[in-house]
Amino acid sequence: MQLIKPAVAGTMESGDIMVTIEPRDSGGVTLELSSNVMQQFGRQIEEMIRKTLAELGVEHAAVHAVDKGALDCTVRARVSAAAFRSAESTDYTWKGAK
C-alpha cells in the first residue's frame, strides 16, 4: 500500500486509540506510542500496529499513536482506517464478518 498523505483515525476517548500516519520515502516504519497502560501493554500495542501495517504492505511511514486502553481489535481497526485514508483507498477486504 502506497501512502499519499497524512491521515488520522480514532479518538481520545477511553477505550480507543488515535492513530496518525504520514508517508515517508524511506527508513521503514517509525512509531511513537504513548499509552496510559504502557507498562503492561506497550509492547503488545506496538506489535499490533507494526503487524497491521505489514499486512497492509506499508513499508515506510511515520506513526504517532495515543492509546487510551484500546483492545487489539480497536488498535487494528484504527491503524487500518488511517492507512486506507492515507492511501486514499477504498479497496477494503473485511475478514471475519459473515
N, C-alpha and C. Protein backbone atom coordinates (compact mmCIF):
# COMPACT_ATOMS: atom_id res chain seq x y z
N MET A 1 0.85 -1.17 0.00
CA MET A 1 0.00 0.00 0.00
C MET A 1 0.90 1.24 0.00
N GLN A 2 0.63 2.13 -0.92
CA GLN A 2 1.40 3.37 -1.04
C GLN A 2 0.67 4.51 -0.33
N LEU A 3 1.27 5.03 0.72
CA LEU A 3 0.67 6.16 1.44
C LEU A 3 0.90 7.44 0.66
N ILE A 4 -0.10 8.31 0.65
CA ILE A 4 -0.06 9.53 -0.15
C ILE A 4 -0.04 10.79 0.71
N LYS A 5 -0.82 10.79 1.77
CA LYS A 5 -0.98 12.00 2.58
C LYS A 5 -1.13 11.62 4.05
N PRO A 6 -0.94 12.59 4.95
CA PRO A 6 -1.17 12.31 6.37
C PRO A 6 -2.66 11.99 6.62
N ALA A 7 -2.90 11.11 7.59
CA ALA A 7 -4.28 10.74 7.91
C ALA A 7 -4.39 10.37 9.39
N VAL A 8 -5.61 10.47 9.92
CA VAL A 8 -5.88 10.19 11.33
C VAL A 8 -7.11 9.30 11.43
N ALA A 9 -7.09 8.41 12.43
CA ALA A 9 -8.27 7.61 12.75
C ALA A 9 -8.30 7.42 14.27
N GLY A 10 -9.50 7.40 14.82
CA GLY A 10 -9.67 7.18 16.25
C GLY A 10 -9.99 8.44 17.01
N THR A 11 -10.14 8.28 18.32
CA THR A 11 -10.48 9.39 19.21
C THR A 11 -9.61 9.32 20.46
N MET A 12 -9.77 10.31 21.30
CA MET A 12 -9.06 10.34 22.58
C MET A 12 -9.96 9.85 23.72
N GLU A 13 -11.05 9.18 23.36
CA GLU A 13 -11.97 8.65 24.36
C GLU A 13 -11.39 7.41 25.03
N SER A 14 -11.85 7.12 26.22
CA SER A 14 -11.43 5.93 26.94
C SER A 14 -11.77 4.69 26.12
N GLY A 15 -10.84 3.75 26.04
CA GLY A 15 -11.05 2.51 25.31
C GLY A 15 -10.76 2.64 23.82
N ASP A 16 -10.19 3.76 23.40
CA ASP A 16 -9.90 3.98 21.98
C ASP A 16 -8.42 4.31 21.81
N ILE A 17 -8.00 4.50 20.58
CA ILE A 17 -6.63 4.89 20.25
C ILE A 17 -6.70 5.84 19.07
N MET A 18 -5.95 6.92 19.12
CA MET A 18 -5.87 7.85 17.99
C MET A 18 -4.57 7.58 17.26
N VAL A 19 -4.68 7.26 15.99
CA VAL A 19 -3.52 6.91 15.17
C VAL A 19 -3.36 7.95 14.06
N THR A 20 -2.18 8.56 14.01
CA THR A 20 -1.83 9.48 12.93
C THR A 20 -0.72 8.83 12.13
N ILE A 21 -0.89 8.81 10.81
CA ILE A 21 0.09 8.18 9.94
C ILE A 21 0.48 9.15 8.83
N GLU A 22 1.77 9.20 8.55
CA GLU A 22 2.29 10.07 7.49
C GLU A 22 3.20 9.25 6.60
N PRO A 23 3.14 9.51 5.29
CA PRO A 23 4.03 8.78 4.38
C PRO A 23 5.49 9.19 4.54
N ARG A 24 6.39 8.25 4.30
CA ARG A 24 7.84 8.50 4.26
C ARG A 24 8.37 7.85 3.00
N ASP A 25 9.43 8.42 2.46
CA ASP A 25 10.03 7.86 1.25
C ASP A 25 10.91 6.65 1.54
N SER A 26 11.49 6.64 2.73
CA SER A 26 12.39 5.54 3.11
C SER A 26 12.49 5.49 4.63
N GLY A 27 13.27 4.55 5.13
CA GLY A 27 13.51 4.48 6.56
C GLY A 27 12.59 3.56 7.34
N GLY A 28 11.74 2.82 6.66
CA GLY A 28 10.85 1.90 7.35
C GLY A 28 9.73 2.60 8.11
N VAL A 29 9.24 1.93 9.12
CA VAL A 29 8.15 2.48 9.94
C VAL A 29 8.73 2.99 11.25
N THR A 30 8.51 4.27 11.52
CA THR A 30 8.86 4.81 12.83
C THR A 30 7.57 4.92 13.63
N LEU A 31 7.65 4.61 14.90
CA LEU A 31 6.45 4.58 15.74
C LEU A 31 6.70 5.32 17.04
N GLU A 32 5.83 6.27 17.32
CA GLU A 32 5.83 6.97 18.60
C GLU A 32 4.52 6.62 19.28
N LEU A 33 4.61 5.95 20.41
CA LEU A 33 3.42 5.46 21.12
C LEU A 33 3.38 6.02 22.52
N SER A 34 2.24 6.54 22.91
CA SER A 34 2.02 6.89 24.31
C SER A 34 0.72 6.21 24.74
N SER A 35 0.73 5.72 25.97
CA SER A 35 -0.41 4.95 26.46
C SER A 35 -0.48 5.03 27.98
N ASN A 36 -1.70 5.07 28.50
CA ASN A 36 -1.86 5.06 29.95
C ASN A 36 -1.67 3.65 30.52
N VAL A 37 -1.47 2.66 29.65
CA VAL A 37 -1.18 1.28 30.07
C VAL A 37 0.13 0.81 29.45
N MET A 38 1.05 1.73 29.25
CA MET A 38 2.32 1.43 28.57
C MET A 38 3.11 0.33 29.29
N GLN A 39 3.18 0.38 30.59
CA GLN A 39 3.94 -0.62 31.35
C GLN A 39 3.44 -2.03 31.09
N GLN A 40 2.12 -2.20 31.09
CA GLN A 40 1.54 -3.53 30.95
C GLN A 40 1.42 -3.99 29.50
N PHE A 41 1.04 -3.07 28.60
CA PHE A 41 0.67 -3.50 27.24
C PHE A 41 1.37 -2.77 26.11
N GLY A 42 2.34 -1.91 26.42
CA GLY A 42 3.02 -1.13 25.39
C GLY A 42 3.61 -1.96 24.27
N ARG A 43 4.30 -3.02 24.63
CA ARG A 43 4.93 -3.89 23.62
C ARG A 43 3.88 -4.56 22.74
N GLN A 44 2.79 -5.00 23.34
CA GLN A 44 1.72 -5.66 22.59
C GLN A 44 1.05 -4.67 21.62
N ILE A 45 0.83 -3.44 22.07
CA ILE A 45 0.21 -2.43 21.21
C ILE A 45 1.13 -2.14 20.03
N GLU A 46 2.42 -1.96 20.30
CA GLU A 46 3.38 -1.68 19.23
C GLU A 46 3.42 -2.84 18.23
N GLU A 47 3.44 -4.06 18.72
CA GLU A 47 3.45 -5.22 17.82
C GLU A 47 2.21 -5.26 16.95
N MET A 48 1.04 -4.93 17.52
CA MET A 48 -0.20 -4.95 16.75
C MET A 48 -0.18 -3.88 15.66
N ILE A 49 0.34 -2.70 15.98
CA ILE A 49 0.44 -1.62 14.99
C ILE A 49 1.36 -2.05 13.85
N ARG A 50 2.54 -2.55 14.19
CA ARG A 50 3.51 -2.95 13.16
C ARG A 50 3.01 -4.13 12.32
N LYS A 51 2.36 -5.09 12.96
CA LYS A 51 1.82 -6.25 12.25
C LYS A 51 0.73 -5.82 11.27
N THR A 52 -0.14 -4.94 11.70
CA THR A 52 -1.22 -4.47 10.83
C THR A 52 -0.66 -3.73 9.62
N LEU A 53 0.31 -2.86 9.84
CA LEU A 53 0.92 -2.13 8.73
C LEU A 53 1.62 -3.09 7.76
N ALA A 54 2.31 -4.08 8.30
CA ALA A 54 3.00 -5.06 7.45
C ALA A 54 1.99 -5.83 6.60
N GLU A 55 0.88 -6.24 7.20
CA GLU A 55 -0.15 -6.97 6.46
C GLU A 55 -0.77 -6.13 5.35
N LEU A 56 -0.80 -4.81 5.55
CA LEU A 56 -1.34 -3.90 4.54
C LEU A 56 -0.29 -3.53 3.49
N GLY A 57 0.95 -3.95 3.71
CA GLY A 57 2.00 -3.67 2.76
C GLY A 57 2.60 -2.28 2.90
N VAL A 58 2.45 -1.67 4.07
CA VAL A 58 3.03 -0.36 4.33
C VAL A 58 4.47 -0.57 4.77
N GLU A 59 5.41 -0.08 3.97
CA GLU A 59 6.83 -0.29 4.27
C GLU A 59 7.48 0.93 4.91
N HIS A 60 7.01 2.13 4.57
CA HIS A 60 7.61 3.36 5.08
C HIS A 60 6.52 4.29 5.56
N ALA A 61 6.56 4.63 6.86
CA ALA A 61 5.55 5.52 7.43
C ALA A 61 6.03 6.04 8.77
N ALA A 62 5.53 7.22 9.12
CA ALA A 62 5.73 7.76 10.46
C ALA A 62 4.38 7.65 11.16
N VAL A 63 4.36 6.94 12.28
CA VAL A 63 3.12 6.69 13.01
C VAL A 63 3.22 7.28 14.41
N HIS A 64 2.18 7.99 14.79
CA HIS A 64 2.06 8.52 16.15
C HIS A 64 0.74 7.98 16.69
N ALA A 65 0.79 7.29 17.83
CA ALA A 65 -0.41 6.70 18.41
C ALA A 65 -0.54 7.10 19.87
N VAL A 66 -1.75 7.51 20.22
CA VAL A 66 -2.08 7.85 21.61
C VAL A 66 -3.17 6.89 22.04
N ASP A 67 -2.81 5.95 22.90
CA ASP A 67 -3.72 4.89 23.34
C ASP A 67 -4.39 5.27 24.65
N LYS A 68 -5.67 4.96 24.73
CA LYS A 68 -6.45 5.17 25.95
C LYS A 68 -7.09 3.86 26.41
N GLY A 69 -6.32 2.77 26.28
CA GLY A 69 -6.80 1.47 26.74
C GLY A 69 -7.56 0.68 25.70
N ALA A 70 -7.22 0.86 24.43
CA ALA A 70 -7.91 0.16 23.34
C ALA A 70 -7.58 -1.33 23.32
N LEU A 71 -8.55 -2.12 22.95
CA LEU A 71 -8.35 -3.55 22.74
C LEU A 71 -7.62 -3.76 21.41
N ASP A 72 -7.05 -4.95 21.22
CA ASP A 72 -6.32 -5.25 20.00
C ASP A 72 -7.16 -5.01 18.74
N CYS A 73 -8.43 -5.41 18.78
CA CYS A 73 -9.28 -5.25 17.61
C CYS A 73 -9.48 -3.77 17.27
N THR A 74 -9.52 -2.92 18.27
CA THR A 74 -9.67 -1.49 18.05
C THR A 74 -8.37 -0.91 17.49
N VAL A 75 -7.24 -1.34 18.02
CA VAL A 75 -5.94 -0.88 17.51
C VAL A 75 -5.84 -1.23 16.03
N ARG A 76 -6.16 -2.47 15.71
CA ARG A 76 -6.10 -2.94 14.33
C ARG A 76 -7.02 -2.12 13.42
N ALA A 77 -8.23 -1.87 13.87
CA ALA A 77 -9.20 -1.12 13.07
C ALA A 77 -8.74 0.31 12.83
N ARG A 78 -8.20 0.96 13.87
CA ARG A 78 -7.76 2.35 13.73
C ARG A 78 -6.54 2.47 12.83
N VAL A 79 -5.59 1.56 12.97
CA VAL A 79 -4.41 1.58 12.11
C VAL A 79 -4.82 1.35 10.66
N SER A 80 -5.70 0.39 10.44
CA SER A 80 -6.17 0.11 9.08
C SER A 80 -6.89 1.31 8.49
N ALA A 81 -7.77 1.92 9.25
CA ALA A 81 -8.52 3.08 8.77
C ALA A 81 -7.58 4.23 8.41
N ALA A 82 -6.61 4.51 9.27
CA ALA A 82 -5.65 5.58 8.99
C ALA A 82 -4.85 5.28 7.73
N ALA A 83 -4.42 4.04 7.56
CA ALA A 83 -3.63 3.66 6.39
C ALA A 83 -4.46 3.79 5.11
N PHE A 84 -5.68 3.30 5.12
CA PHE A 84 -6.53 3.42 3.93
C PHE A 84 -6.83 4.88 3.60
N ARG A 85 -7.06 5.69 4.62
CA ARG A 85 -7.27 7.12 4.38
C ARG A 85 -6.02 7.76 3.79
N SER A 86 -4.86 7.41 4.32
CA SER A 86 -3.60 7.96 3.85
C SER A 86 -3.34 7.57 2.39
N ALA A 87 -3.70 6.36 2.03
CA ALA A 87 -3.51 5.87 0.67
C ALA A 87 -4.65 6.30 -0.27
N GLU A 88 -5.65 6.96 0.27
CA GLU A 88 -6.84 7.35 -0.48
C GLU A 88 -7.45 6.14 -1.19
N SER A 89 -7.53 5.04 -0.46
CA SER A 89 -8.02 3.78 -1.00
C SER A 89 -9.34 3.38 -0.34
N THR A 90 -10.21 2.79 -1.14
CA THR A 90 -11.46 2.22 -0.61
C THR A 90 -11.52 0.73 -0.93
N ASP A 91 -10.38 0.13 -1.19
CA ASP A 91 -10.29 -1.28 -1.53
C ASP A 91 -10.19 -2.13 -0.26
N TYR A 92 -11.25 -2.09 0.55
CA TYR A 92 -11.25 -2.80 1.83
C TYR A 92 -11.53 -4.28 1.63
N THR A 93 -10.85 -5.11 2.41
CA THR A 93 -11.13 -6.53 2.47
C THR A 93 -11.45 -6.85 3.92
N TRP A 94 -12.71 -6.99 4.22
CA TRP A 94 -13.12 -7.25 5.60
C TRP A 94 -13.04 -8.74 5.88
N LYS A 95 -12.42 -9.09 6.99
CA LYS A 95 -12.27 -10.50 7.36
C LYS A 95 -13.11 -10.78 8.60
N GLY A 96 -13.61 -12.01 8.70
CA GLY A 96 -14.28 -12.45 9.92
C GLY A 96 -15.76 -12.19 9.95
N ALA A 97 -16.28 -11.26 9.16
CA ALA A 97 -17.72 -10.96 9.17
C ALA A 97 -18.42 -11.84 8.16
N LYS A 98 -19.47 -12.50 8.62
CA LYS A 98 -20.25 -13.34 7.70
C LYS A 98 -21.70 -13.05 7.84
